[in-house]
Amino acid sequence: MCRMLYLETDVPRDTTKMIARFALKWWAADNPHGTGVAYADPDGVIRIVKGIIRPKKAFRKLKGMPTRLAGHVRRATDGSVSQENAHPFVSCDGRSAFMHNGVIFNWKPLRERLMARGHKFTSQTDSEVMLHLAEEVGPKKLTEAIQKENVSGMANWIWISPEKTIVFSDGSLWMVRNELGIRFGFFSDLDWAEKDFFKTAKFLSGGTMVTIHNGKHKVKNIGTIPAERPSPVSPVTYSDWWRQESMSVEADEKMTTVYGESIEDALRRIHPPSDVEVAEEAWIKSGDLFCKRCNIVYNESTSGQCIRCHQELVDVAEMI
């Protein structure tokens, strides 16, 4: 599956782009089929950068330091590997952007109905179908509308407009706040952060919608899209679930014979569904040194230079 994130800060900060680039770069190894970024410029207009490019190149095309930024790396399910199929997708009025992590089923008839009603499609993905349906009913009613259209599956998505951002978790997003100047942060997983990058991180259970407007947020559980397979039980199991989805029944039975449990049961045992807070001690803290070129944090004393590129390191405190 894909991976995505959203970051919002109170004022423009280097950390917004730094953290987003680091996370997308980490995820891109397993999600190499496109990188995209949507961000709000100083006038609030949503700008898009996307293509079959690496995250590093995508961030070079960003202008300025945005306070609101959404990023996505794609692992193709529906639709070929192309610039058009990379996320995010832009609404018909050109004001909003939408990105999606998951897969939905029986969406092609809905696409035809939306096209008949005048919607212009630029890709061959299931994700863009959700965008145009959301244009008709509003993002907050998207889950309900999808069910009425006889579409099933899983969908974690981000809608960013000039006025607000809406984030929906169907069981694969984490929310963090007040770390390194972050007002709000949402991530598909936190594996990239390694040593518990964030002091406080809350897992958003299935059906959770977060609406962000004027620096404030509202959390509401609205229910999930009915899945044809059980939803992943934690944000770090999406790729495992997708591999399992493509495995034969015989392969799953073999796993049960060898390991004494099915893959699904193993995932639920290892990652039981719950609201958890990851670590009490932050990974990055004042006094740590950071290499901007290599995205490496040094927690221990060094000579003051990056061991990889020998560039001068900066104190993390200077970037906050």
Protein backbone atom coordinates (compact mmCIF):
# COMPACT_ATOMS: atom_id res chain seq x y z
CA MET A 1 0.00 0.00 0.00
CA CYS A 2 0.91 3.67 -0.17
CA ARG A 3 2.13 5.91 2.64
CA MET A 4 1.16 9.48 3.40
CA LEU A 5 1.49 12.30 5.93
CA TYR A 6 0.22 15.72 6.87
CA LEU A 7 2.10 18.39 8.83
CA GLU A 8 0.95 21.77 10.09
CA THR A 9 2.93 24.31 12.10
CA ASP A 10 2.01 27.63 13.67
CA VAL A 11 4.68 29.52 11.70
CA PRO A 12 6.87 28.52 8.73
CA ARG A 13 9.60 26.17 9.97
CA ASP A 14 12.44 24.24 8.40
CA THR A 15 11.31 21.22 10.40
CA THR A 16 8.11 20.89 8.34
CA LYS A 17 9.98 20.07 5.15
CA MET A 18 12.77 18.24 6.98
CA ILE A 19 10.50 15.75 8.73
CA ALA A 20 8.20 15.28 5.73
CA ARG A 21 11.11 14.64 3.38
CA PHE A 22 12.71 12.20 5.81
CA ALA A 23 9.51 10.15 6.28
CA LEU A 24 8.67 10.03 2.56
CA LYS A 25 12.24 9.09 1.70
CA TRP A 26 12.05 6.20 4.20
CA TRP A 27 8.74 4.95 2.78
CA ALA A 28 9.75 5.38 -0.87
CA ALA A 29 11.89 2.24 -0.89
CA ASP A 30 8.74 0.08 -0.66
CA ASN A 31 6.48 2.59 -2.41
CA PRO A 32 8.43 3.59 -5.54
CA HIS A 33 5.60 4.34 -7.97
CA GLY A 34 5.28 8.09 -7.50
CA THR A 35 5.82 10.95 -5.05
CA GLY A 36 3.49 13.86 -4.49
CA VAL A 37 3.26 16.90 -2.23
CA ALA A 38 0.38 19.32 -1.69
CA TYR A 39 1.07 22.49 0.27
CA ALA A 40 -0.48 25.85 1.02
CA ASP A 41 1.45 28.87 -0.21
CA PRO A 42 1.50 32.16 1.79
CA ASP A 43 -1.77 33.20 0.12
CA GLY A 44 -3.45 29.92 1.12
CA VAL A 45 -3.55 28.56 -2.44
CA ILE A 46 -2.94 24.80 -2.61
CA ARG A 47 0.07 23.96 -4.80
CA ILE A 48 0.91 20.50 -6.16
CA VAL A 49 4.22 18.81 -6.97
CA LYS A 50 4.08 15.20 -8.13
CA GLY A 51 5.48 12.65 -10.55
CA ILE A 52 7.55 9.49 -10.89
CA ILE A 53 10.30 11.12 -8.87
CA ARG A 54 12.07 10.56 -5.58
CA PRO A 55 10.99 12.62 -2.55
CA LYS A 56 14.25 14.58 -2.54
CA LYS A 57 13.58 15.88 -6.04
CA ALA A 58 9.95 16.67 -5.24
CA PHE A 59 10.94 18.84 -2.28
CA ARG A 60 13.40 20.79 -4.42
CA LYS A 61 10.40 22.05 -6.40
CA LEU A 62 8.58 23.41 -3.36
CA LYS A 63 8.60 27.19 -3.05
CA GLY A 64 9.12 28.71 0.37
CA MET A 65 8.44 27.09 3.75
CA PRO A 66 4.78 26.09 4.03
CA THR A 67 2.92 25.85 7.32
CA ARG A 68 0.61 23.16 5.87
CA LEU A 69 1.93 20.25 3.85
CA ALA A 70 0.64 16.81 2.79
CA GLY A 71 2.90 14.17 1.23
CA HIS A 72 2.36 10.81 -0.44
CA VAL A 73 4.43 7.96 -1.92
CA ARG A 74 2.58 5.43 -4.06
CA ARG A 75 2.59 1.68 -4.37
CA ALA A 76 0.43 0.97 -7.41
CA THR A 77 -2.70 -1.18 -7.02
CA ASP A 78 -5.19 0.24 -9.54
CA GLY A 79 -3.75 2.15 -12.48
CA SER A 80 -0.36 2.06 -14.16
CA VAL A 81 2.82 3.71 -12.90
CA SER A 82 2.60 7.21 -14.39
CA GLN A 83 2.72 10.85 -13.39
CA GLU A 84 -1.05 11.14 -13.82
CA ASN A 85 -1.67 8.28 -11.35
CA ALA A 86 0.63 9.69 -8.68
CA HIS A 87 -1.09 11.36 -5.74
CA PRO A 88 -2.40 13.89 -4.87
CA PHE A 89 -5.33 14.61 -7.19
CA VAL A 90 -6.89 18.03 -7.69
CA SER A 91 -10.60 18.82 -7.43
CA CYS A 92 -12.51 20.04 -10.49
CA ASP A 93 -12.48 23.63 -9.18
CA GLY A 94 -8.70 23.45 -8.71
CA ARG A 95 -8.85 24.55 -5.07
CA SER A 96 -8.38 21.31 -3.13
CA ALA A 97 -6.13 18.25 -3.20
CA PHE A 98 -6.82 14.66 -2.17
CA MET A 99 -4.57 11.67 -1.41
CA HIS A 100 -5.47 8.13 -0.42
CA ASN A 101 -3.83 5.13 1.20
CA GLY A 102 -5.72 1.87 0.74
CA VAL A 103 -7.83 0.09 -1.83
CA ILE A 104 -11.53 0.12 -2.70
CA PHE A 105 -13.55 -2.32 -4.77
CA ASN A 106 -16.35 -2.03 -7.36
CA TRP A 107 -15.42 1.60 -8.08
CA LYS A 108 -15.48 1.62 -11.89
CA PRO A 109 -19.30 1.86 -12.21
CA LEU A 110 -19.18 4.82 -9.83
CA ARG A 111 -16.48 6.43 -11.97
CA GLU A 112 -18.73 6.18 -15.02
CA ARG A 113 -21.62 7.77 -13.15
CA LEU A 114 -19.41 10.62 -11.95
CA MET A 115 -18.12 11.24 -15.47
CA ALA A 116 -21.69 11.33 -16.75
CA ARG A 117 -22.38 14.04 -14.16
CA GLY A 118 -19.55 16.17 -15.55
CA HIS A 119 -16.52 15.28 -13.43
CA LYS A 120 -13.18 15.38 -15.24
CA PHE A 121 -10.78 12.54 -14.42
CA THR A 122 -7.02 12.78 -14.90
CA SER A 123 -6.03 9.27 -13.74
CA GLN A 124 -7.09 5.61 -13.77
CA THR A 125 -7.08 5.19 -9.98
CA ASP A 126 -9.71 4.28 -7.42
CA SER A 127 -8.48 7.22 -5.34
CA GLU A 128 -9.63 9.89 -7.77
CA VAL A 129 -13.12 8.40 -7.72
CA MET A 130 -13.26 9.17 -4.00
CA LEU A 131 -12.13 12.75 -4.64
CA HIS A 132 -14.90 13.52 -7.13
CA LEU A 133 -17.55 11.87 -4.98
CA ALA A 134 -16.35 14.01 -2.07
CA GLU A 135 -16.80 17.09 -4.26
CA GLU A 136 -20.50 16.27 -4.56
CA VAL A 137 -21.29 15.34 -0.96
CA GLY A 138 -18.47 17.04 0.96
CA PRO A 139 -15.46 15.27 2.50
CA LYS A 140 -17.22 14.74 5.83
CA LYS A 141 -19.92 12.63 4.17
CA LEU A 142 -17.57 10.69 1.88
CA THR A 143 -17.58 7.44 3.86
CA GLU A 144 -21.36 7.35 4.04
CA ALA A 145 -21.68 8.19 0.33
CA ILE A 146 -19.26 5.44 -0.69
CA GLN A 147 -21.32 2.86 1.15
CA LYS A 148 -24.50 4.07 -0.58
CA GLU A 149 -22.73 3.70 -3.95
CA ASN A 150 -22.10 -0.01 -3.25
CA VAL A 151 -18.34 0.52 -3.02
CA SER A 152 -16.37 -1.39 -0.40
CA GLY A 153 -12.78 -1.58 0.80
CA MET A 154 -10.44 0.46 2.93
CA ALA A 155 -9.54 4.10 2.65
CA ASN A 156 -7.34 6.38 4.70
CA TRP A 157 -7.27 9.78 3.10
CA ILE A 158 -6.30 13.44 3.41
CA TRP A 159 -8.23 16.37 1.92
CA ILE A 160 -6.42 19.72 2.00
CA SER A 161 -8.17 22.93 0.94
CA PRO A 162 -7.37 26.63 1.48
CA GLU A 163 -9.77 26.76 4.43
CA LYS A 164 -9.25 23.45 6.21
CA THR A 165 -7.75 19.97 6.23
CA ILE A 166 -9.74 16.79 6.80
CA VAL A 167 -8.00 13.51 7.66
CA PHE A 168 -9.74 10.15 7.79
CA SER A 169 -8.26 7.01 9.34
CA ASP A 170 -9.67 3.58 8.65
CA GLY A 171 -7.16 2.08 11.08
CA SER A 172 -3.78 3.13 9.70
CA LEU A 173 -2.84 6.61 10.86
CA TRP A 174 -1.02 8.12 13.83
CA MET A 175 -1.54 11.66 15.11
CA VAL A 176 1.21 13.64 16.85
CA ARG A 177 1.27 17.17 18.25
CA ASN A 178 3.63 19.73 19.77
CA GLU A 179 6.91 18.16 18.67
CA LEU A 180 9.59 20.22 16.91
CA GLY A 181 7.08 22.98 16.27
CA ILE A 182 4.39 20.69 14.88
CA ARG A 183 0.84 21.85 15.61
CA PHE A 184 -0.63 18.75 13.95
CA GLY A 185 1.00 15.75 12.34
CA PHE A 186 -0.46 12.60 10.78
CA PHE A 187 1.60 9.65 9.54
CA SER A 188 0.80 6.25 8.01
CA ASP A 189 3.32 4.73 10.40
CA LEU A 190 6.14 5.85 12.67
CA ASP A 191 8.75 3.25 11.73
CA TRP A 192 10.85 5.92 10.06
CA ALA A 193 11.18 7.78 13.37
CA GLU A 194 13.06 4.86 14.92
CA LYS A 195 13.86 5.71 18.54
CA ASP A 196 10.44 7.09 19.36
CA PHE A 197 10.84 10.40 17.53
CA PHE A 198 7.71 11.80 19.15
CA LYS A 199 6.95 11.97 22.86
CA THR A 200 3.23 11.67 22.27
CA ALA A 201 1.68 9.75 19.41
CA LYS A 202 -1.91 8.54 19.29
CA PHE A 203 -3.14 5.76 17.04
CA LEU A 204 -6.34 6.75 15.21
CA SER A 205 -8.67 3.78 15.22
CA GLY A 206 -10.87 2.88 12.25
CA GLY A 207 -13.54 5.42 11.39
CA THR A 208 -11.79 8.42 12.96
CA MET A 209 -12.12 11.74 11.16
CA VAL A 210 -10.11 14.81 12.18
CA THR A 211 -11.10 18.25 10.90
CA ILE A 212 -8.48 21.01 11.22
CA HIS A 213 -9.46 24.66 10.83
CA ASN A 214 -7.78 27.86 12.04
CA GLY A 215 -5.32 25.96 14.23
CA LYS A 216 -8.02 23.95 16.01
CA HIS A 217 -9.10 20.38 15.45
CA LYS A 218 -12.18 18.24 16.02
CA VAL A 219 -12.04 14.44 16.27
CA LYS A 220 -15.10 12.33 15.47
CA ASN A 221 -15.68 8.63 14.85
CA ILE A 222 -18.03 8.22 11.89
CA GLY A 223 -17.64 4.51 11.14
CA THR A 224 -15.60 2.70 8.52
CA ILE A 225 -16.00 1.60 4.92
CA PRO A 226 -17.00 -2.09 4.98
CA ALA A 227 -13.94 -4.12 3.99
CA GLU A 228 -13.97 -7.35 2.02
CA ARG A 229 -11.01 -8.43 4.15
CA PRO A 230 -10.32 -7.51 7.79
CA SER A 231 -8.64 -4.12 8.12
CA PRO A 232 -4.95 -4.02 9.05
CA VAL A 233 -4.69 -4.05 12.80
CA SER A 234 -2.02 -1.37 13.08
CA PRO A 235 -0.46 1.19 10.77
CA VAL A 236 2.75 -0.79 10.42
CA THR A 237 1.03 -3.88 8.99
CA TYR A 238 -0.37 -2.46 5.75
CA SER A 239 2.37 -3.86 3.52
CA ASP A 240 2.11 -7.20 5.31
CA TRP A 241 -1.67 -7.20 4.80
CA TRP A 242 -1.29 -6.43 1.09
CA ARG A 243 1.21 -9.27 0.65
CA GLN A 244 -1.19 -11.53 2.50
CA GLU A 245 -4.06 -10.42 0.25
CA SER A 246 -2.17 -11.69 -2.80
CA MET A 247 -1.18 -15.00 -1.23
CA SER A 248 -3.01 -18.20 -2.03
CA VAL A 249 -5.06 -20.11 0.51
CA GLU A 250 -2.54 -22.94 0.28
CA ALA A 251 0.29 -20.54 1.19
CA ASP A 252 -1.62 -19.30 4.22
CA GLU A 253 -2.33 -22.88 5.30
CA LYS A 254 1.37 -23.65 4.95
CA MET A 255 2.21 -20.71 7.22
CA THR A 256 -0.24 -22.08 9.77
CA THR A 257 1.39 -25.51 9.59
CA VAL A 258 4.93 -24.18 9.96
CA TYR A 259 4.35 -21.44 12.52
CA GLY A 260 1.22 -22.69 14.26
CA GLU A 261 -0.90 -19.68 13.29
CA SER A 262 -2.11 -17.87 10.20
CA ILE A 263 -0.52 -14.63 9.05
CA GLU A 264 -3.62 -12.70 10.09
CA ASP A 265 -3.56 -14.17 13.60
CA ALA A 266 0.16 -13.47 13.87
CA LEU A 267 -0.36 -9.82 12.96
CA ARG A 268 -3.13 -9.44 15.50
CA ARG A 269 -0.93 -11.04 18.17
CA ILE A 270 2.06 -8.85 17.39
CA HIS A 271 0.10 -5.64 16.82
CA PRO A 272 -3.11 -5.82 18.86
CA PRO A 273 -5.58 -3.01 18.04
CA SER A 274 -5.54 -0.35 20.71
CA ASP A 275 -5.05 3.31 21.39
CA VAL A 276 -1.44 3.55 22.44
CA GLU A 277 1.11 6.17 23.25
CA VAL A 278 4.61 5.40 22.06
CA ALA A 279 7.38 6.30 24.37
CA GLU A 280 7.83 8.90 26.97
CA GLU A 281 11.30 10.00 25.87
CA ALA A 282 11.74 11.87 22.60
CA TRP A 283 14.26 10.69 20.05
CA ILE A 284 15.34 14.16 18.96
CA LYS A 285 16.04 16.59 21.77
CA SER A 286 17.89 19.82 22.32
CA GLY A 287 21.62 19.17 22.14
CA ASP A 288 21.38 16.56 19.39
CA LEU A 289 23.15 17.38 16.14
CA PHE A 290 21.60 17.11 12.70
CA CYS A 291 22.97 16.81 9.16
CA LYS A 292 20.62 18.64 6.77
CA ARG A 293 22.10 16.97 3.70
CA CYS A 294 21.86 13.33 4.87
CA ASN A 295 18.90 13.66 7.29
CA ILE A 296 20.92 12.01 10.06
CA VAL A 297 20.52 12.81 13.76
CA TYR A 298 23.47 12.28 16.07
CA ASN A 299 22.48 11.63 19.66
CA GLU A 300 26.04 11.13 20.87
CA SER A 301 29.01 13.48 20.80
CA THR A 302 30.77 13.77 17.44
CA SER A 303 33.48 15.90 15.89
CA GLY A 304 30.77 18.29 14.72
CA GLN A 305 30.78 16.91 11.18
CA CYS A 306 28.59 14.30 9.50
CA ILE A 307 30.45 11.01 9.19
CA ARG A 308 28.83 10.42 5.79
CA CYS A 309 29.23 13.74 3.92
CA HIS A 310 31.45 15.66 6.39
CA GLN A 311 29.09 18.63 6.34
CA GLU A 312 28.94 20.81 9.44
CA LEU A 313 26.19 19.65 11.83
CA VAL A 314 23.62 21.96 13.40
CA ASP A 315 22.01 21.78 16.82
CA VAL A 316 18.41 20.57 16.65
CA ALA A 317 17.44 23.39 19.02
CA GLU A 318 18.37 25.94 16.34
CA MET A 319 15.73 24.53 13.98
CA ILE A 320 12.81 24.69 16.41
